């Protein structure tokens, strides 16, 4: 599976994702800091990659704005740090391994994972 973490997600996620057998590129490998969210999400779609972000807005807006997309995983933690973001990403990928990520947004918090789909 392909992943595209946004600029606020730790770059170390690339190593984790690649070691788990996925491919990944980071937003800062392609765009300068501060690039508009819409541009980053569009790039993820062009690459057919799941967008990974810490921006909770994506969980709410992606299913409403895009009927078809490659998926989004949004990790929101009360006190985010690199280790906890990577731990919750690993937890999410383990729990979602048998799920279709296309056309859905997944919100990952400290204690749960929930989804929204286009039209919901």
PDB file of N, CA and C in Angstrom:
ATOM      1  N   UNK A   1       0.835  -1.157   0.000  1.00  0.00           N
ATOM      2  CA  UNK A   1       0.000   0.000   0.000  1.00  0.00           C
ATOM      3  C   UNK A   1       0.895   1.240   0.000  1.00  0.00           C
ATOM      4  N   UNK A   2       0.412   2.319  -0.595  1.00  0.00           N
ATOM      5  CA  UNK A   2       1.161   3.580  -0.633  1.00  0.00           C
ATOM      6  C   UNK A   2       0.600   4.549   0.398  1.00  0.00           C
ATOM      7  N   UNK A   3       1.507   5.294   1.044  1.00  0.00           N
ATOM      8  CA  UNK A   3       1.123   6.287   2.039  1.00  0.00           C
ATOM      9  C   UNK A   3       1.807   7.613   1.741  1.00  0.00           C
ATOM     10  N   UNK A   4       1.130   8.694   2.118  1.00  0.00           N
ATOM     11  CA  UNK A   4       1.658  10.046   1.944  1.00  0.00           C
ATOM     12  C   UNK A   4       1.386  10.853   3.217  1.00  0.00           C
ATOM     13  N   UNK A   5       2.321  10.824   4.192  1.00  0.00           N
ATOM     14  CA  UNK A   5       2.159  11.635   5.399  1.00  0.00           C
ATOM     15  C   UNK A   5       2.354  13.123   5.103  1.00  0.00           C
ATOM     16  N   UNK A   6       1.534  13.962   5.761  1.00  0.00           N
ATOM     17  CA  UNK A   6       1.663  15.398   5.551  1.00  0.00           C
ATOM     18  C   UNK A   6       2.846  15.951   6.336  1.00  0.00           C
ATOM     19  N   UNK A   7       3.085  17.243   6.192  1.00  0.00           N
ATOM     20  CA  UNK A   7       4.298  17.848   6.749  1.00  0.00           C
ATOM     21  C   UNK A   7       4.368  17.797   8.266  1.00  0.00           C
ATOM     22  N   UNK A   8       3.238  17.690   8.947  1.00  0.00           N
ATOM     23  CA  UNK A   8       3.242  17.664  10.413  1.00  0.00           C
ATOM     24  C   UNK A   8       3.445  16.262  10.979  1.00  0.00           C
ATOM     25  N   UNK A   9       3.470  15.265  10.124  1.00  0.00           N
ATOM     26  CA  UNK A   9       3.664  13.901  10.591  1.00  0.00           C
ATOM     27  C   UNK A   9       5.166  13.604  10.600  1.00  0.00           C
ATOM     28  N   UNK A  10       5.656  12.882  11.609  1.00  0.00           N
ATOM     29  CA  UNK A  10       7.102  12.620  11.694  1.00  0.00           C
ATOM     30  C   UNK A  10       7.638  11.890  10.456  1.00  0.00           C
ATOM     31  N   UNK A  11       8.770  12.346   9.983  1.00  0.00           N
ATOM     32  CA  UNK A  11       9.397  11.692   8.819  1.00  0.00           C
ATOM     33  C   UNK A  11       9.815  10.266   9.119  1.00  0.00           C
ATOM     34  N   UNK A  12      10.007   9.950  10.384  1.00  0.00           N
ATOM     35  CA  UNK A  12      10.370   8.577  10.752  1.00  0.00           C
ATOM     36  C   UNK A  12       9.260   7.592  10.400  1.00  0.00           C
ATOM     37  N   UNK A  13       8.085   8.081  10.125  1.00  0.00           N
ATOM     38  CA  UNK A  13       6.995   7.204   9.686  1.00  0.00           C
ATOM     39  C   UNK A  13       7.361   6.507   8.381  1.00  0.00           C
ATOM     40  N   UNK A  14       8.178   7.150   7.554  1.00  0.00           N
ATOM     41  CA  UNK A  14       8.578   6.528   6.285  1.00  0.00           C
ATOM     42  C   UNK A  14       9.322   5.226   6.539  1.00  0.00           C
ATOM     43  N   UNK A  15      10.259   5.249   7.462  1.00  0.00           N
ATOM     44  CA  UNK A  15      11.031   4.047   7.790  1.00  0.00           C
ATOM     45  C   UNK A  15      10.114   2.957   8.334  1.00  0.00           C
ATOM     46  N   UNK A  16       9.213   3.341   9.232  1.00  0.00           N
ATOM     47  CA  UNK A  16       8.275   2.374   9.789  1.00  0.00           C
ATOM     48  C   UNK A  16       7.413   1.766   8.681  1.00  0.00           C
ATOM     49  N   UNK A  17       6.829   2.599   7.830  1.00  0.00           N
ATOM     50  CA  UNK A  17       5.935   2.101   6.778  1.00  0.00           C
ATOM     51  C   UNK A  17       6.680   1.198   5.803  1.00  0.00           C
ATOM     52  N   UNK A  18       7.892   1.600   5.418  1.00  0.00           N
ATOM     53  CA  UNK A  18       8.669   0.789   4.480  1.00  0.00           C
ATOM     54  C   UNK A  18       9.077  -0.540   5.108  1.00  0.00           C
ATOM     55  N   UNK A  19       9.404  -0.535   6.399  1.00  0.00           N
ATOM     56  CA  UNK A  19       9.772  -1.796   7.060  1.00  0.00           C
ATOM     57  C   UNK A  19       8.565  -2.732   7.188  1.00  0.00           C
ATOM     58  N   UNK A  20       7.367  -2.169   7.119  1.00  0.00           N
ATOM     59  CA  UNK A  20       6.142  -2.973   7.175  1.00  0.00           C
ATOM     60  C   UNK A  20       5.690  -3.407   5.781  1.00  0.00           C
ATOM     61  N   UNK A  21       6.511  -3.110   4.760  1.00  0.00           N
ATOM     62  CA  UNK A  21       6.215  -3.562   3.406  1.00  0.00           C
ATOM     63  C   UNK A  21       5.415  -2.600   2.558  1.00  0.00           C
ATOM     64  N   UNK A  22       5.264  -1.356   3.024  1.00  0.00           N
ATOM     65  CA  UNK A  22       4.523  -0.342   2.279  1.00  0.00           C
ATOM     66  C   UNK A  22       5.495   0.601   1.589  1.00  0.00           C
ATOM     67  N   UNK A  23       4.983   1.421   0.702  1.00  0.00           N
ATOM     68  CA  UNK A  23       5.796   2.503   0.150  1.00  0.00           C
ATOM     69  C   UNK A  23       5.249   3.813   0.690  1.00  0.00           C
ATOM     70  N   UNK A  24       6.133   4.780   0.858  1.00  0.00           N
ATOM     71  CA  UNK A  24       5.707   6.057   1.434  1.00  0.00           C
ATOM     72  C   UNK A  24       6.644   7.163   1.000  1.00  0.00           C
ATOM     73  N   UNK A  25       6.059   8.324   0.790  1.00  0.00           N
ATOM     74  CA  UNK A  25       6.835   9.551   0.604  1.00  0.00           C
ATOM     75  C   UNK A  25       6.210  10.601   1.501  1.00  0.00           C
ATOM     76  N   UNK A  26       7.017  11.516   1.966  1.00  0.00           N
ATOM     77  CA  UNK A  26       6.588  12.555   2.901  1.00  0.00           C
ATOM     78  C   UNK A  26       6.316  13.844   2.134  1.00  0.00           C
ATOM     79  N   UNK A  27       5.345  14.600   2.617  1.00  0.00           N
ATOM     80  CA  UNK A  27       4.978  15.856   1.959  1.00  0.00           C
ATOM     81  C   UNK A  27       6.178  16.775   1.768  1.00  0.00           C
ATOM     82  N   UNK A  28       7.084  16.824   2.737  1.00  0.00           N
ATOM     83  CA  UNK A  28       8.235  17.727   2.635  1.00  0.00           C
ATOM     84  C   UNK A  28       9.264  17.258   1.605  1.00  0.00           C
ATOM     85  N   UNK A  29       9.117  16.054   1.076  1.00  0.00           N
ATOM     86  CA  UNK A  29       9.975  15.610  -0.022  1.00  0.00           C
ATOM     87  C   UNK A  29       9.506  16.207  -1.347  1.00  0.00           C
ATOM     88  N   UNK A  30       8.285  16.721  -1.384  1.00  0.00           N
ATOM     89  CA  UNK A  30       7.694  17.209  -2.619  1.00  0.00           C
ATOM     90  C   UNK A  30       7.293  18.679  -2.580  1.00  0.00           C
ATOM     91  N   UNK A  31       6.996  19.194  -1.394  1.00  0.00           N
ATOM     92  CA  UNK A  31       6.437  20.536  -1.263  1.00  0.00           C
ATOM     93  C   UNK A  31       7.111  21.300  -0.130  1.00  0.00           C
ATOM     94  N   UNK A  32       7.133  22.637  -0.209  1.00  0.00           N
ATOM     95  CA  UNK A  32       7.687  23.430   0.891  1.00  0.00           C
ATOM     96  C   UNK A  32       6.721  23.455   2.074  1.00  0.00           C
ATOM     97  N   UNK A  33       7.241  23.742   3.276  1.00  0.00           N
ATOM     98  CA  UNK A  33       6.361  23.865   4.436  1.00  0.00           C
ATOM     99  C   UNK A  33       5.269  24.909   4.171  1.00  0.00           C
ATOM    100  N   UNK A  34       4.090  24.639   4.692  1.00  0.00           N
ATOM    101  CA  UNK A  34       3.000  25.583   4.539  1.00  0.00           C
ATOM    102  C   UNK A  34       2.166  25.404   3.283  1.00  0.00           C
ATOM    103  N   UNK A  35       2.462  24.379   2.489  1.00  0.00           N
ATOM    104  CA  UNK A  35       1.669  24.119   1.292  1.00  0.00           C
ATOM    105  C   UNK A  35       0.231  23.829   1.696  1.00  0.00           C
ATOM    106  N   UNK A  36      -0.706  24.321   0.913  1.00  0.00           N
ATOM    107  CA  UNK A  36      -2.129  24.169   1.221  1.00  0.00           C
ATOM    108  C   UNK A  36      -2.518  22.701   1.347  1.00  0.00           C
ATOM    109  N   UNK A  37      -3.374  22.426   2.317  1.00  0.00           N
ATOM    110  CA  UNK A  37      -3.850  21.061   2.548  1.00  0.00           C
ATOM    111  C   UNK A  37      -4.457  20.451   1.290  1.00  0.00           C
ATOM    112  N   UNK A  38      -5.196  21.238   0.540  1.00  0.00           N
ATOM    113  CA  UNK A  38      -5.849  20.741  -0.672  1.00  0.00           C
ATOM    114  C   UNK A  38      -4.814  20.245  -1.686  1.00  0.00           C
ATOM    115  N   UNK A  39      -3.697  20.957  -1.781  1.00  0.00           N
ATOM    116  CA  UNK A  39      -2.629  20.565  -2.701  1.00  0.00           C
ATOM    117  C   UNK A  39      -2.007  19.246  -2.262  1.00  0.00           C
ATOM    118  N   UNK A  40      -1.771  19.112  -0.951  1.00  0.00           N
ATOM    119  CA  UNK A  40      -1.176  17.878  -0.428  1.00  0.00           C
ATOM    120  C   UNK A  40      -2.113  16.694  -0.636  1.00  0.00           C
ATOM    121  N   UNK A  41      -3.401  16.891  -0.349  1.00  0.00           N
ATOM    122  CA  UNK A  41      -4.350  15.798  -0.520  1.00  0.00           C
ATOM    123  C   UNK A  41      -4.470  15.421  -1.991  1.00  0.00           C
ATOM    124  N   UNK A  42      -4.486  16.411  -2.873  1.00  0.00           N
ATOM    125  CA  UNK A  42      -4.558  16.135  -4.317  1.00  0.00           C
ATOM    126  C   UNK A  42      -3.337  15.334  -4.765  1.00  0.00           C
ATOM    127  N   UNK A  43      -2.166  15.672  -4.244  1.00  0.00           N
ATOM    128  CA  UNK A  43      -0.952  14.933  -4.603  1.00  0.00           C
ATOM    129  C   UNK A  43      -1.052  13.475  -4.143  1.00  0.00           C
ATOM    130  N   UNK A  44      -1.576  13.263  -2.945  1.00  0.00           N
ATOM    131  CA  UNK A  44      -1.749  11.892  -2.458  1.00  0.00           C
ATOM    132  C   UNK A  44      -2.668  11.115  -3.395  1.00  0.00           C
ATOM    133  N   UNK A  45      -3.709  11.764  -3.880  1.00  0.00           N
ATOM    134  CA  UNK A  45      -4.650  11.084  -4.777  1.00  0.00           C
ATOM    135  C   UNK A  45      -3.990  10.766  -6.124  1.00  0.00           C
ATOM    136  N   UNK A  46      -3.183  11.690  -6.626  1.00  0.00           N
ATOM    137  CA  UNK A  46      -2.463  11.438  -7.884  1.00  0.00           C
ATOM    138  C   UNK A  46      -1.538  10.242  -7.745  1.00  0.00           C
ATOM    139  N   UNK A  47      -0.938  10.073  -6.577  1.00  0.00           N
ATOM    140  CA  UNK A  47      -0.027   8.949  -6.322  1.00  0.00           C
ATOM    141  C   UNK A  47      -0.781   7.688  -5.898  1.00  0.00           C
ATOM    142  N   UNK A  48      -2.095   7.800  -5.764  1.00  0.00           N
ATOM    143  CA  UNK A  48      -2.938   6.703  -5.283  1.00  0.00           C
ATOM    144  C   UNK A  48      -2.468   6.224  -3.914  1.00  0.00           C
ATOM    145  N   UNK A  49      -2.242   7.212  -3.041  1.00  0.00           N
ATOM    146  CA  UNK A  49      -1.717   6.946  -1.709  1.00  0.00           C
ATOM    147  C   UNK A  49      -2.732   7.338  -0.639  1.00  0.00           C
ATOM    148  N   UNK A  50      -2.678   6.631   0.472  1.00  0.00           N
ATOM    149  CA  UNK A  50      -3.473   6.975   1.641  1.00  0.00           C
ATOM    150  C   UNK A  50      -2.814   8.193   2.293  1.00  0.00           C
ATOM    151  N   UNK A  51      -3.599   9.225   2.527  1.00  0.00           N
ATOM    152  CA  UNK A  51      -3.108  10.447   3.145  1.00  0.00           C
ATOM    153  C   UNK A  51      -3.074  10.244   4.655  1.00  0.00           C
ATOM    154  N   UNK A  52      -1.961  10.607   5.305  1.00  0.00           N
ATOM    155  CA  UNK A  52      -1.812  10.460   6.752  1.00  0.00           C
ATOM    156  C   UNK A  52      -1.557  11.849   7.331  1.00  0.00           C
ATOM    157  N   UNK A  53      -2.339  12.210   8.352  1.00  0.00           N
ATOM    158  CA  UNK A  53      -2.259  13.557   8.890  1.00  0.00           C
ATOM    159  C   UNK A  53      -2.547  13.573  10.380  1.00  0.00           C
ATOM    160  N   UNK A  54      -2.200  14.680  11.016  1.00  0.00           N
ATOM    161  CA  UNK A  54      -2.598  14.925  12.396  1.00  0.00           C
ATOM    162  C   UNK A  54      -3.703  15.981  12.435  1.00  0.00           C
ATOM    163  N   UNK A  55      -4.157  16.422  11.290  1.00  0.00           N
ATOM    164  CA  UNK A  55      -5.151  17.484  11.156  1.00  0.00           C
ATOM    165  C   UNK A  55      -6.560  16.884  11.169  1.00  0.00           C
ATOM    166  N   UNK A  56      -7.261  17.017  12.294  1.00  0.00           N
ATOM    167  CA  UNK A  56      -8.575  16.400  12.473  1.00  0.00           C
ATOM    168  C   UNK A  56      -9.587  16.863  11.425  1.00  0.00           C
ATOM    169  N   UNK A  57      -9.383  18.044  10.848  1.00  0.00           N
ATOM    170  CA  UNK A  57     -10.300  18.539   9.818  1.00  0.00           C
ATOM    171  C   UNK A  57     -10.454  17.544   8.671  1.00  0.00           C
ATOM    172  N   UNK A  58      -9.389  16.830   8.336  1.00  0.00           N
ATOM    173  CA  UNK A  58      -9.468  15.870   7.226  1.00  0.00           C
ATOM    174  C   UNK A  58     -10.496  14.774   7.506  1.00  0.00           C
ATOM    175  N   UNK A  59     -10.619  14.372   8.757  1.00  0.00           N
ATOM    176  CA  UNK A  59     -11.592  13.334   9.090  1.00  0.00           C
ATOM    177  C   UNK A  59     -13.012  13.800   8.769  1.00  0.00           C
ATOM    178  N   UNK A  60     -13.249  15.078   8.972  1.00  0.00           N
ATOM    179  CA  UNK A  60     -14.586  15.620   8.748  1.00  0.00           C
ATOM    180  C   UNK A  60     -14.827  16.036   7.303  1.00  0.00           C
ATOM    181  N   UNK A  61     -13.824  16.588   6.649  1.00  0.00           N
ATOM    182  CA  UNK A  61     -14.049  17.161   5.319  1.00  0.00           C
ATOM    183  C   UNK A  61     -13.850  16.193   4.162  1.00  0.00           C
ATOM    184  N   UNK A  62     -12.922  15.284   4.266  1.00  0.00           N
ATOM    185  CA  UNK A  62     -12.644  14.378   3.145  1.00  0.00           C
ATOM    186  C   UNK A  62     -13.884  13.586   2.720  1.00  0.00           C
ATOM    187  N   UNK A  63     -14.607  12.950   3.643  1.00  0.00           N
ATOM    188  CA  UNK A  63     -15.783  12.188   3.195  1.00  0.00           C
ATOM    189  C   UNK A  63     -16.869  13.067   2.573  1.00  0.00           C
ATOM    190  N   UNK A  64     -16.934  14.320   2.967  1.00  0.00           N
ATOM    191  CA  UNK A  64     -17.945  15.217   2.423  1.00  0.00           C
ATOM    192  C   UNK A  64     -17.529  15.804   1.074  1.00  0.00           C
ATOM    193  N   UNK A  65     -16.240  16.084   0.939  1.00  0.00           N
ATOM    194  CA  UNK A  65     -15.757  16.767  -0.263  1.00  0.00           C
ATOM    195  C   UNK A  65     -15.371  15.822  -1.400  1.00  0.00           C
ATOM    196  N   UNK A  66     -15.084  14.583  -1.077  1.00  0.00           N
ATOM    197  CA  UNK A  66     -14.603  13.645  -2.086  1.00  0.00           C
ATOM    198  C   UNK A  66     -15.399  12.350  -2.023  1.00  0.00           C
ATOM    199  N   UNK A  67     -16.136  12.086  -3.070  1.00  0.00           N
ATOM    200  CA  UNK A  67     -16.878  10.828  -3.117  1.00  0.00           C
ATOM    201  C   UNK A  67     -15.923   9.657  -3.290  1.00  0.00           C
ATOM    202  N   UNK A  68     -14.848   9.883  -4.044  1.00  0.00           N
ATOM    203  CA  UNK A  68     -13.862   8.840  -4.307  1.00  0.00           C
ATOM    204  C   UNK A  68     -12.477   9.381  -3.950  1.00  0.00           C
ATOM    205  N   UNK A  69     -11.751   8.599  -3.170  1.00  0.00           N
ATOM    206  CA  UNK A  69     -10.386   8.961  -2.807  1.00  0.00           C
ATOM    207  C   UNK A  69      -9.671   7.707  -2.323  1.00  0.00           C
ATOM    208  N   UNK A  70      -8.385   7.805  -2.103  1.00  0.00           N
ATOM    209  CA  UNK A  70      -7.585   6.637  -1.727  1.00  0.00           C
ATOM    210  C   UNK A  70      -7.563   6.369  -0.232  1.00  0.00           C
ATOM    211  N   UNK A  71      -8.183   7.218   0.544  1.00  0.00           N
ATOM    212  CA  UNK A  71      -8.259   7.025   1.982  1.00  0.00           C
ATOM    213  C   UNK A  71      -7.448   8.041   2.749  1.00  0.00           C
ATOM    214  N   UNK A  72      -7.821   8.208   4.002  1.00  0.00           N
ATOM    215  CA  UNK A  72      -7.117   9.127   4.898  1.00  0.00           C
ATOM    216  C   UNK A  72      -7.098   8.526   6.299  1.00  0.00           C
ATOM    217  N   UNK A  73      -5.951   8.634   6.942  1.00  0.00           N
ATOM    218  CA  UNK A  73      -5.812   8.247   8.339  1.00  0.00           C
ATOM    219  C   UNK A  73      -5.399   9.500   9.092  1.00  0.00           C
ATOM    220  N   UNK A  74      -6.202   9.875  10.068  1.00  0.00           N
ATOM    221  CA  UNK A  74      -5.945  11.070  10.865  1.00  0.00           C
ATOM    222  C   UNK A  74      -5.688  10.635  12.295  1.00  0.00           C
ATOM    223  N   UNK A  75      -4.519  10.970  12.811  1.00  0.00           N
ATOM    224  CA  UNK A  75      -4.164  10.592  14.172  1.00  0.00           C
ATOM    225  C   UNK A  75      -4.139  11.854  15.027  1.00  0.00           C
ATOM    226  N   UNK A  76      -5.040  11.911  15.995  1.00  0.00           N
ATOM    227  CA  UNK A  76      -5.111  13.065  16.888  1.00  0.00           C
ATOM    228  C   UNK A  76      -4.912  12.585  18.317  1.00  0.00           C
ATOM    229  N   UNK A  77      -3.901  13.115  18.940  1.00  0.00           N
ATOM    230  CA  UNK A  77      -3.573  12.761  20.318  1.00  0.00           C
ATOM    231  C   UNK A  77      -3.555  14.025  21.167  1.00  0.00           C
ATOM    232  N   UNK A  78      -3.888  13.910  22.443  1.00  0.00           N
ATOM    233  CA  UNK A  78      -3.890  15.087  23.324  1.00  0.00           C
ATOM    234  C   UNK A  78      -2.514  15.716  23.428  1.00  0.00           C
ATOM    235  N   UNK A  79      -1.492  14.892  23.586  1.00  0.00           N
ATOM    236  CA  UNK A  79      -0.115  15.385  23.685  1.00  0.00           C
ATOM    237  C   UNK A  79       0.726  14.612  22.672  1.00  0.00           C
ATOM    238  N   UNK A  80       0.633  14.989  21.397  1.00  0.00           N
ATOM    239  CA  UNK A  80       1.329  14.201  20.375  1.00  0.00           C
ATOM    240  C   UNK A  80       2.850  14.322  20.479  1.00  0.00           C
ATOM    241  N   UNK A  81       3.500  13.205  20.274  1.00  0.00           N
ATOM    242  CA  UNK A  81       4.952  13.169  20.122  1.00  0.00           C
ATOM    243  C   UNK A  81       5.259  12.078  19.101  1.00  0.00           C
ATOM    244  N   UNK A  82       6.461  12.074  18.612  1.00  0.00           N
ATOM    245  CA  UNK A  82       6.844  11.157  17.544  1.00  0.00           C
ATOM    246  C   UNK A  82       6.552   9.702  17.899  1.00  0.00           C
ATOM    247  N   UNK A  83       6.971   9.281  19.077  1.00  0.00           N
ATOM    248  CA  UNK A  83       6.804   7.873  19.471  1.00  0.00           C
ATOM    249  C   UNK A  83       5.327   7.482  19.535  1.00  0.00           C
ATOM    250  N   UNK A  84       4.501   8.330  20.121  1.00  0.00           N
ATOM    251  CA  UNK A  84       3.080   7.995  20.242  1.00  0.00           C
ATOM    252  C   UNK A  84       2.368   8.033  18.898  1.00  0.00           C
ATOM    253  N   UNK A  85       2.731   8.970  18.029  1.00  0.00           N
ATOM    254  CA  UNK A  85       2.134   8.999  16.689  1.00  0.00           C
ATOM    255  C   UNK A  85       2.475   7.727  15.919  1.00  0.00           C
ATOM    256  N   UNK A  86       3.717   7.308  15.982  1.00  0.00           N
ATOM    257  CA  UNK A  86       4.119   6.079  15.282  1.00  0.00           C
ATOM    258  C   UNK A  86       3.464   4.842  15.900  1.00  0.00           C
ATOM    259  N   UNK A  87       3.345   4.811  17.221  1.00  0.00           N
ATOM    260  CA  UNK A  87       2.692   3.683  17.896  1.00  0.00           C
ATOM    261  C   UNK A  87       1.234   3.580  17.463  1.00  0.00           C
ATOM    262  N   UNK A  88       0.528   4.699  17.429  1.00  0.00           N
ATOM    263  CA  UNK A  88      -0.882   4.659  17.039  1.00  0.00           C
ATOM    264  C   UNK A  88      -1.039   4.371  15.552  1.00  0.00           C
ATOM    265  N   UNK A  89      -0.084   4.808  14.730  1.00  0.00           N
ATOM    266  CA  UNK A  89      -0.122   4.451  13.314  1.00  0.00           C
ATOM    267  C   UNK A  89       0.032   2.936  13.173  1.00  0.00           C
ATOM    268  N   UNK A  90       0.967   2.355  13.907  1.00  0.00           N
ATOM    269  CA  UNK A  90       1.161   0.899  13.869  1.00  0.00           C
ATOM    270  C   UNK A  90      -0.097   0.180  14.349  1.00  0.00           C
ATOM    271  N   UNK A  91      -0.702   0.668  15.429  1.00  0.00           N
ATOM    272  CA  UNK A  91      -1.945   0.070  15.930  1.00  0.00           C
ATOM    273  C   UNK A  91      -3.041   0.141  14.875  1.00  0.00           C
ATOM    274  N   UNK A  92      -3.166   1.297  14.239  1.00  0.00           N
ATOM    275  CA  UNK A  92      -4.215   1.485  13.230  1.00  0.00           C
ATOM    276  C   UNK A  92      -4.004   0.547  12.055  1.00  0.00           C
ATOM    277  N   UNK A  93      -2.781   0.452  11.564  1.00  0.00           N
ATOM    278  CA  UNK A  93      -2.525  -0.414  10.412  1.00  0.00           C
ATOM    279  C   UNK A  93      -2.795  -1.875  10.756  1.00  0.00           C
ATOM    280  N   UNK A  94      -2.482  -2.269  11.985  1.00  0.00           N
ATOM    281  CA  UNK A  94      -2.771  -3.647  12.400  1.00  0.00           C
ATOM    282  C   UNK A  94      -4.281  -3.893  12.438  1.00  0.00           C
ATOM    283  N   UNK A  95      -5.028  -2.952  12.973  1.00  0.00           N
ATOM    284  CA  UNK A  95      -6.477  -3.118  13.078  1.00  0.00           C
ATOM    285  C   UNK A  95      -7.184  -2.975  11.735  1.00  0.00           C
ATOM    286  N   UNK A  96      -6.587  -2.221  10.824  1.00  0.00           N
ATOM    287  CA  UNK A  96      -7.228  -1.967   9.533  1.00  0.00           C
ATOM    288  C   UNK A  96      -6.684  -2.863   8.418  1.00  0.00           C
ATOM    289  N   UNK A  97      -5.850  -3.810   8.765  1.00  0.00           N
ATOM    290  CA  UNK A  97      -5.175  -4.644   7.763  1.00  0.00           C
ATOM    291  C   UNK A  97      -6.143  -5.320   6.802  1.00  0.00           C
ATOM    292  N   UNK A  98      -7.293  -5.717   7.280  1.00  0.00           N
ATOM    293  CA  UNK A  98      -8.261  -6.417   6.431  1.00  0.00           C
ATOM    294  C   UNK A  98      -9.356  -5.494   5.903  1.00  0.00           C
ATOM    295  N   UNK A  99      -9.219  -4.201   6.138  1.00  0.00           N
ATOM    296  CA  UNK A  99     -10.237  -3.239   5.727  1.00  0.00           C
ATOM    297  C   UNK A  99      -9.831  -2.546   4.435  1.00  0.00           C
ATOM    298  N   UNK A 100     -10.818  -2.159   3.677  1.00  0.00           N
ATOM    299  CA  UNK A 100     -10.599  -1.339   2.479  1.00  0.00           C
ATOM    300  C   UNK A 100     -10.507   0.111   2.942  1.00  0.00           C
ATOM    301  N   UNK A 101      -9.400   0.764   2.648  1.00  0.00           N
ATOM    302  CA  UNK A 101      -9.216   2.142   3.081  1.00  0.00           C
ATOM    303  C   UNK A 101      -9.769   3.148   2.066  1.00  0.00           C
ATOM    304  N   UNK A 102      -9.952   2.716   0.829  1.00  0.00           N
ATOM    305  CA  UNK A 102     -10.451   3.630  -0.194  1.00  0.00           C
ATOM    306  C   UNK A 102     -11.800   4.194   0.202  1.00  0.00           C
ATOM    307  N   UNK A 103     -11.969   5.470  -0.100  1.00  0.00           N
ATOM    308  CA  UNK A 103     -13.227   6.189   0.112  1.00  0.00           C
ATOM    309  C   UNK A 103     -13.654   6.249   1.573  1.00  0.00           C
ATOM    310  N   UNK A 104     -12.679   6.152   2.490  1.00  0.00           N
ATOM    311  CA  UNK A 104     -12.991   6.278   3.908  1.00  0.00           C
ATOM    312  C   UNK A 104     -11.901   7.082   4.615  1.00  0.00           C
ATOM    313  N   UNK A 105     -12.317   7.746   5.674  1.00  0.00           N
ATOM    314  CA  UNK A 105     -11.380   8.478   6.529  1.00  0.00           C
ATOM    315  C   UNK A 105     -11.430   7.818   7.902  1.00  0.00           C
ATOM    316  N   UNK A 106     -10.275   7.631   8.482  1.00  0.00           N
ATOM    317  CA  UNK A 106     -10.161   6.946   9.769  1.00  0.00           C
ATOM    318  C   UNK A 106      -9.582   7.901  10.797  1.00  0.00           C
ATOM    319  N   UNK A 107     -10.271   8.048  11.914  1.00  0.00           N
ATOM    320  CA  UNK A 107      -9.797   8.885  13.008  1.00  0.00           C
ATOM    321  C   UNK A 107      -9.226   7.980  14.095  1.00  0.00           C
ATOM    322  N   UNK A 108      -7.967   8.219  14.435  1.00  0.00           N
ATOM    323  CA  UNK A 108      -7.263   7.417  15.431  1.00  0.00           C
ATOM    324  C   UNK A 108      -6.949   8.330  16.614  1.00  0.00           C
ATOM    325  N   UNK A 109      -7.464   7.970  17.783  1.00  0.00           N
ATOM    326  CA  UNK A 109      -7.178   8.715  19.003  1.00  0.00           C
ATOM    327  C   UNK A 109      -6.388   7.812  19.945  1.00  0.00           C
ATOM    328  N   UNK A 110      -6.218   8.255  21.182  1.00  0.00           N
ATOM    329  CA  UNK A 110      -5.498   7.436  22.153  1.00  0.00           C
ATOM    330  C   UNK A 110      -6.191   6.100  22.406  1.00  0.00           C
ATOM    331  N   UNK A 111      -7.509   6.091  22.315  1.00  0.00           N
ATOM    332  CA  UNK A 111      -8.254   4.908  22.753  1.00  0.00           C
ATOM    333  C   UNK A 111      -9.123   4.250  21.697  1.00  0.00           C
ATOM    334  N   UNK A 112      -9.319   4.888  20.549  1.00  0.00           N
ATOM    335  CA  UNK A 112     -10.215   4.273  19.568  1.00  0.00           C
ATOM    336  C   UNK A 112      -9.883   4.648  18.136  1.00  0.00           C
ATOM    337  N   UNK A 113     -10.502   3.882  17.252  1.00  0.00           N
ATOM    338  CA  UNK A 113     -10.383   4.130  15.821  1.00  0.00           C
ATOM    339  C   UNK A 113     -11.799   4.080  15.252  1.00  0.00           C
ATOM    340  N   UNK A 114     -12.178   5.119  14.530  1.00  0.00           N
ATOM    341  CA  UNK A 114     -13.503   5.113  13.905  1.00  0.00           C
ATOM    342  C   UNK A 114     -13.394   5.647  12.492  1.00  0.00           C
ATOM    343  N   UNK A 115     -14.430   5.394  11.714  1.00  0.00           N
ATOM    344  CA  UNK A 115     -14.357   5.770  10.302  1.00  0.00           C
ATOM    345  C   UNK A 115     -15.548   6.586   9.875  1.00  0.00           C
ATOM    346  N   UNK A 116     -15.343   7.305   8.772  1.00  0.00           N
ATOM    347  CA  UNK A 116     -16.398   8.007   8.042  1.00  0.00           C
ATOM    348  C   UNK A 116     -16.204   7.663   6.580  1.00  0.00           C
ATOM    349  N   UNK A 117     -17.292   7.494   5.907  1.00  0.00           N
ATOM    350  CA  UNK A 117     -17.231   7.154   4.486  1.00  0.00           C
ATOM    351  C   UNK A 117     -17.934   8.229   3.698  1.00  0.00           C
ATOM    352  N   UNK A 118     -17.637   8.314   2.432  1.00  0.00           N
ATOM    353  CA  UNK A 118     -18.262   9.316   1.569  1.00  0.00           C
ATOM    354  C   UNK A 118     -19.771   9.263   1.748  1.00  0.00           C
ATOM    355  N   UNK A 119     -20.364  10.444   1.919  1.00  0.00           N
ATOM    356  CA  UNK A 119     -21.812  10.525   2.064  1.00  0.00           C
ATOM    357  C   UNK A 119     -22.305  10.348   3.483  1.00  0.00           C
ATOM    358  N   UNK A 120     -21.401  10.069   4.452  1.00  0.00           N
ATOM    359  CA  UNK A 120     -21.823   9.901   5.857  1.00  0.00           C
ATOM    360  C   UNK A 120     -21.636  11.177   6.631  1.00  0.00           C
TER     361      UNK A 120
END
